[in-house]
Amino acid sequence: MYFIEDTHQYIIKDKEYKSFSYLKKLVEPYKDWDKIASDYAKKNKMTVEEVQDKWDKKKVNSCERGTLLHLFKEDEAKEQEDKLVYFSEVRGDKKIIKDLKTLEDGWHLELCMYNHEYEACGTADKVFIETINGIRYVKILDFKTNESIDMESFYNPRTKTYEMMTSPLNHLMNSNYWGYALQLSTYGYFMERYGYVVKELELIHIPLEEVKTKKDEKLVVVNHDNKKYKIKEETKYKVDYLKKDVIKLLNYFKYLKLKNRLPKK
């Protein structure tokens, strides 16, 4: 079992398992991005190409911030020199996926969790395993670098409605907070199926900001590509375990797969 980072492929039992990001797209409302780009261009007196280039750069910058944060958090853990911090083994371009049945107590960084019934998986930034009186508890944390964490989704003043996920999760707002809550809950469910008890799910929002003045250099946490970054403010969100919603999503995924109606991407 291994993960190929360049192609973002999870190979488990000689099969490519679907990631949570793929599952989440199954309940995202359809958006005509060409029309949205065209409308935005008209409103802001830009060309469609300029709008798309702006969005592409924002997407790249967001991915870079996420990568930088993960590197910082990994270095931070290594500096602790704590024997209870475990890292995944890397062989060439492959990161070995651990057997969930035999995890040691302690912190596991970049831990891949999976489910063979649904052939689905995902990776959490930090997972803490603790055994108390024979019960194996799990705490799952994930770091996000978005500009904001939004509890509410887009509100349409004309229809006076919020944008919701699609069936079977059309009772959940289609905001990044609820997407992340569903993500953490899915990982919790994967672990529960291996006998773990979900003790805590935590979303940690750590937006990074480029440092451009010497005054803020003492706050620098990451140096990358001749740029320096600092953490603006760290906010922690305790996430409810959305077990029923996870089961609905996984069963919907299974149904579409059986009917050969899964989207290619």
Protein backbone atom coordinates (compact mmCIF):
# COMPACT_ATOMS: atom_id res chain seq x y z
CA MET A 1 0.00 0.00 0.00
CA TYR A 2 1.50 3.32 -1.02
CA PHE A 3 0.83 6.93 -2.05
CA ILE A 4 2.41 8.60 -5.10
CA GLU A 5 2.59 12.31 -4.32
CA ASP A 6 3.33 13.59 -7.86
CA THR A 7 0.16 12.03 -9.31
CA HIS A 8 -1.77 12.05 -6.02
CA GLN A 9 -2.63 8.35 -6.33
CA TYR A 10 -3.44 6.01 -3.47
CA ILE A 11 -2.62 2.40 -4.42
CA ILE A 12 -4.07 -0.06 -1.92
CA LYS A 13 -4.44 -3.80 -2.55
CA ASP A 14 -3.19 -3.13 -6.09
CA LYS A 15 -6.16 -0.82 -6.74
CA GLU A 16 -6.39 2.94 -6.97
CA TYR A 17 -8.63 4.12 -4.14
CA LYS A 18 -10.62 7.35 -4.43
CA SER A 19 -9.61 10.25 -2.18
CA PHE A 20 -11.98 12.29 -0.03
CA SER A 21 -11.67 15.25 -2.41
CA TYR A 22 -13.15 13.02 -5.13
CA LEU A 23 -16.00 11.93 -2.84
CA LYS A 24 -16.74 15.54 -1.88
CA LYS A 25 -17.17 16.53 -5.54
CA LEU A 26 -20.07 14.08 -5.78
CA VAL A 27 -22.19 16.39 -3.61
CA GLU A 28 -20.98 19.76 -4.88
CA PRO A 29 -23.54 21.78 -6.86
CA TYR A 30 -22.81 22.22 -10.56
CA LYS A 31 -21.27 25.54 -11.54
CA ASP A 32 -20.79 26.91 -15.03
CA TRP A 33 -17.32 28.40 -14.49
CA ASP A 34 -17.14 29.79 -18.03
CA LYS A 35 -20.29 31.83 -17.43
CA ILE A 36 -19.12 32.85 -13.96
CA ALA A 37 -15.79 34.03 -15.42
CA SER A 38 -17.59 35.93 -18.16
CA ASP A 39 -19.94 37.68 -15.70
CA TYR A 40 -17.05 38.52 -13.37
CA ALA A 41 -15.05 39.95 -16.29
CA LYS A 42 -17.91 42.22 -17.35
CA LYS A 43 -18.52 43.42 -13.80
CA ASN A 44 -14.84 44.20 -13.17
CA LYS A 45 -13.96 45.45 -16.67
CA MET A 46 -11.53 42.61 -17.35
CA THR A 47 -11.11 40.04 -20.08
CA VAL A 48 -12.12 36.45 -19.43
CA GLU A 49 -8.46 35.44 -19.88
CA GLU A 50 -7.40 37.94 -17.18
CA VAL A 51 -10.02 36.55 -14.80
CA GLN A 52 -8.96 32.95 -15.40
CA ASP A 53 -5.29 33.89 -14.98
CA LYS A 54 -6.13 35.63 -11.68
CA TRP A 55 -7.98 32.55 -10.44
CA ASP A 56 -5.15 30.24 -11.52
CA LYS A 57 -2.58 32.32 -9.63
CA LYS A 58 -4.79 32.37 -6.53
CA LYS A 59 -5.17 28.59 -6.72
CA VAL A 60 -1.40 28.10 -7.07
CA ASN A 61 -0.68 30.48 -4.18
CA SER A 62 -3.20 28.65 -2.02
CA CYS A 63 -1.57 25.28 -2.79
CA GLU A 64 1.88 26.71 -2.07
CA ARG A 65 0.73 28.07 1.31
CA GLY A 66 -0.67 24.66 2.19
CA THR A 67 2.58 22.94 1.24
CA LEU A 68 4.64 25.47 3.21
CA LEU A 69 2.53 25.00 6.31
CA HIS A 70 2.83 21.22 6.17
CA LEU A 71 6.60 21.48 5.82
CA PHE A 72 6.72 23.82 8.82
CA LYS A 73 4.56 21.55 10.96
CA GLU A 74 6.66 18.52 10.00
CA ASP A 75 9.90 20.32 10.90
CA GLU A 76 8.31 21.47 14.16
CA ALA A 77 7.51 17.86 15.07
CA LYS A 78 11.00 16.67 14.20
CA GLU A 79 12.52 19.31 16.46
CA GLN A 80 10.59 17.89 19.40
CA GLU A 81 12.65 14.68 19.12
CA ASP A 82 9.71 12.89 20.66
CA LYS A 83 9.76 9.11 20.29
CA LEU A 84 5.97 9.21 20.10
CA VAL A 85 6.01 11.08 16.76
CA TYR A 86 5.88 8.77 13.75
CA PHE A 87 6.50 9.54 10.10
CA SER A 88 5.52 7.51 7.05
CA GLU A 89 8.29 5.55 5.38
CA VAL A 90 9.29 6.84 1.94
CA ARG A 91 10.72 4.60 -0.79
CA GLY A 92 11.70 6.53 -3.89
CA ASP A 93 8.62 8.40 -5.11
CA LYS A 94 6.27 6.31 -2.95
CA LYS A 95 5.09 6.97 0.60
CA ILE A 96 4.27 3.69 2.31
CA ILE A 97 0.75 3.53 3.76
CA LYS A 98 0.67 2.06 7.25
CA ASP A 99 -1.51 -0.85 8.37
CA LEU A 100 -4.22 0.81 10.49
CA LYS A 101 -4.59 -2.30 12.64
CA THR A 102 -1.06 -2.01 14.06
CA LEU A 103 -0.56 1.70 14.72
CA GLU A 104 1.55 2.62 17.74
CA ASP A 105 0.26 4.98 20.41
CA GLY A 106 1.45 8.56 19.78
CA TRP A 107 1.36 11.18 17.05
CA HIS A 108 1.28 10.09 13.40
CA LEU A 109 2.02 12.77 10.80
CA GLU A 110 0.47 12.64 7.31
CA LEU A 111 -1.38 9.43 8.16
CA CYS A 112 -3.35 7.79 5.36
CA MET A 113 -6.66 6.24 6.45
CA TYR A 114 -8.66 3.95 4.20
CA ASN A 115 -11.69 1.70 3.87
CA HIS A 116 -11.57 -1.46 1.78
CA GLU A 117 -15.36 -1.85 1.46
CA TYR A 118 -15.73 1.47 -0.33
CA GLU A 119 -12.18 1.60 -1.76
CA ALA A 120 -11.82 5.15 -0.46
CA CYS A 121 -9.11 6.90 1.52
CA GLY A 122 -7.57 10.18 2.62
CA THR A 123 -4.66 11.71 4.53
CA ALA A 124 -4.87 13.74 7.75
CA ASP A 125 -2.09 16.07 8.88
CA LYS A 126 -1.84 14.77 12.46
CA VAL A 127 -3.44 11.80 14.18
CA PHE A 128 -3.04 10.93 17.86
CA ILE A 129 -3.57 7.36 19.05
CA GLU A 130 -4.00 6.65 22.76
CA THR A 131 -4.91 3.35 24.45
CA ILE A 132 -6.72 3.63 27.81
CA ASN A 133 -7.95 0.50 29.59
CA GLY A 134 -7.77 -1.43 26.34
CA ILE A 135 -9.79 1.14 24.37
CA ARG A 136 -7.99 2.72 21.41
CA TYR A 137 -8.92 6.39 21.10
CA VAL A 138 -8.13 8.54 18.09
CA LYS A 139 -7.83 12.30 17.71
CA ILE A 140 -7.63 13.66 14.15
CA LEU A 141 -6.32 17.13 13.26
CA ASP A 142 -6.10 18.86 9.92
CA PHE A 143 -4.47 22.21 9.08
CA LYS A 144 -5.97 24.66 6.58
CA THR A 145 -4.42 27.82 5.15
CA ASN A 146 -7.50 29.35 3.48
CA GLU A 147 -7.98 33.08 3.73
CA SER A 148 -11.06 32.33 5.84
CA ILE A 149 -13.09 29.45 7.25
CA ASP A 150 -16.71 30.06 6.33
CA MET A 151 -19.48 28.50 8.41
CA GLU A 152 -22.12 29.77 5.99
CA SER A 153 -22.20 29.28 2.23
CA PHE A 154 -23.05 31.78 -0.50
CA TYR A 155 -26.38 33.52 0.17
CA ASN A 156 -28.54 34.44 -2.82
CA PRO A 157 -30.50 37.58 -1.89
CA ARG A 158 -32.84 37.07 -4.84
CA THR A 159 -33.99 33.59 -3.80
CA LYS A 160 -33.17 34.15 -0.10
CA THR A 161 -31.44 30.79 0.05
CA TYR A 162 -27.97 29.51 0.92
CA GLU A 163 -26.01 27.30 -1.44
CA MET A 164 -26.33 23.72 -0.22
CA MET A 165 -24.59 20.47 -1.05
CA THR A 166 -26.54 18.17 -3.35
CA SER A 167 -28.46 15.03 -2.38
CA PRO A 168 -28.00 13.02 -0.21
CA LEU A 169 -26.31 15.80 1.80
CA ASN A 170 -28.54 18.68 0.71
CA HIS A 171 -29.13 19.62 4.36
CA LEU A 172 -25.49 20.77 4.69
CA MET A 173 -24.30 24.18 3.53
CA ASN A 174 -21.76 24.08 0.72
CA SER A 175 -19.16 26.08 2.66
CA ASN A 176 -15.53 25.14 3.28
CA TYR A 177 -16.18 24.59 7.02
CA TRP A 178 -18.79 21.90 6.40
CA GLY A 179 -16.64 20.34 3.69
CA TYR A 180 -13.75 20.07 6.15
CA ALA A 181 -16.06 18.79 8.90
CA LEU A 182 -17.22 16.06 6.53
CA GLN A 183 -13.61 15.30 5.62
CA LEU A 184 -12.50 14.88 9.24
CA SER A 185 -15.61 12.82 10.01
CA THR A 186 -14.87 10.52 7.06
CA TYR A 187 -11.38 9.90 8.41
CA GLY A 188 -12.88 9.26 11.84
CA TYR A 189 -15.27 6.71 10.35
CA PHE A 190 -12.41 4.93 8.56
CA MET A 191 -10.61 4.62 11.90
CA GLU A 192 -13.75 3.54 13.71
CA ARG A 193 -14.10 0.62 11.33
CA TYR A 194 -10.71 -0.58 12.62
CA GLY A 195 -11.87 -0.54 16.23
CA TYR A 196 -10.81 2.97 17.23
CA VAL A 197 -13.07 5.31 19.19
CA VAL A 198 -13.27 8.82 17.78
CA LYS A 199 -12.35 11.08 20.67
CA GLU A 200 -11.84 14.41 18.92
CA LEU A 201 -11.86 15.99 15.49
CA GLU A 202 -10.12 19.35 15.16
CA LEU A 203 -9.78 21.77 12.27
CA ILE A 204 -6.88 24.21 12.71
CA HIS A 205 -6.93 27.35 10.60
CA ILE A 206 -3.45 28.81 10.12
CA PRO A 207 -3.39 31.41 7.33
CA LEU A 208 0.11 32.36 6.20
CA GLU A 209 1.07 35.90 5.21
CA GLU A 210 4.17 37.01 3.35
CA VAL A 211 6.53 39.14 5.47
CA LYS A 212 7.60 42.29 3.63
CA THR A 213 9.02 44.45 6.45
CA LYS A 214 11.97 43.86 8.78
CA LYS A 215 9.74 44.67 11.75
CA ASP A 216 7.92 41.35 11.35
CA GLU A 217 10.96 39.17 10.61
CA LYS A 218 11.00 37.74 14.14
CA LEU A 219 7.58 36.22 13.36
CA VAL A 220 8.82 34.28 10.33
CA VAL A 221 8.05 30.56 10.42
CA VAL A 222 8.80 29.56 6.81
CA ASN A 223 11.43 30.63 4.25
CA HIS A 224 10.66 29.55 0.71
CA ASP A 225 11.60 30.73 -2.79
CA ASN A 226 13.29 33.88 -1.46
CA LYS A 227 10.14 34.79 0.45
CA LYS A 228 9.35 34.80 4.16
CA TYR A 229 6.04 33.91 5.71
CA LYS A 230 4.45 34.36 9.12
CA ILE A 231 1.34 32.92 10.73
CA LYS A 232 -1.36 35.57 10.92
CA GLU A 233 -3.47 33.94 13.62
CA GLU A 234 -4.23 30.36 14.60
CA THR A 235 -7.85 29.40 15.20
CA LYS A 236 -9.03 25.97 16.34
CA TYR A 237 -12.44 24.51 15.56
CA LYS A 238 -13.78 21.48 17.42
CA VAL A 239 -15.72 19.54 14.79
CA ASP A 240 -18.77 17.37 15.47
CA TYR A 241 -18.54 13.79 14.24
CA LEU A 242 -20.92 13.68 11.24
CA LYS A 243 -21.08 9.88 11.14
CA LYS A 244 -24.56 9.61 9.58
CA ASP A 245 -23.60 12.04 6.82
CA VAL A 246 -20.39 10.12 6.10
CA ILE A 247 -22.32 6.87 5.71
CA LYS A 248 -24.77 8.58 3.33
CA LEU A 249 -21.89 9.92 1.23
CA LEU A 250 -20.06 6.59 1.10
CA ASN A 251 -23.22 4.66 0.20
CA TYR A 252 -24.00 7.21 -2.52
CA PHE A 253 -20.48 6.74 -3.88
CA LYS A 254 -20.95 2.95 -3.78
CA TYR A 255 -24.30 3.22 -5.59
CA LEU A 256 -22.86 5.38 -8.39
CA LYS A 257 -19.96 2.97 -8.78
CA LEU A 258 -22.29 -0.05 -9.06
CA LYS A 259 -24.36 1.81 -11.67
CA ASN A 260 -21.18 2.83 -13.53
CA ARG A 261 -22.17 6.49 -13.14
CA LEU A 262 -19.11 7.85 -11.39
CA PRO A 263 -17.53 10.98 -12.91
CA LYS A 264 -14.04 10.46 -14.32
CA LYS A 265 -12.50 13.19 -12.17
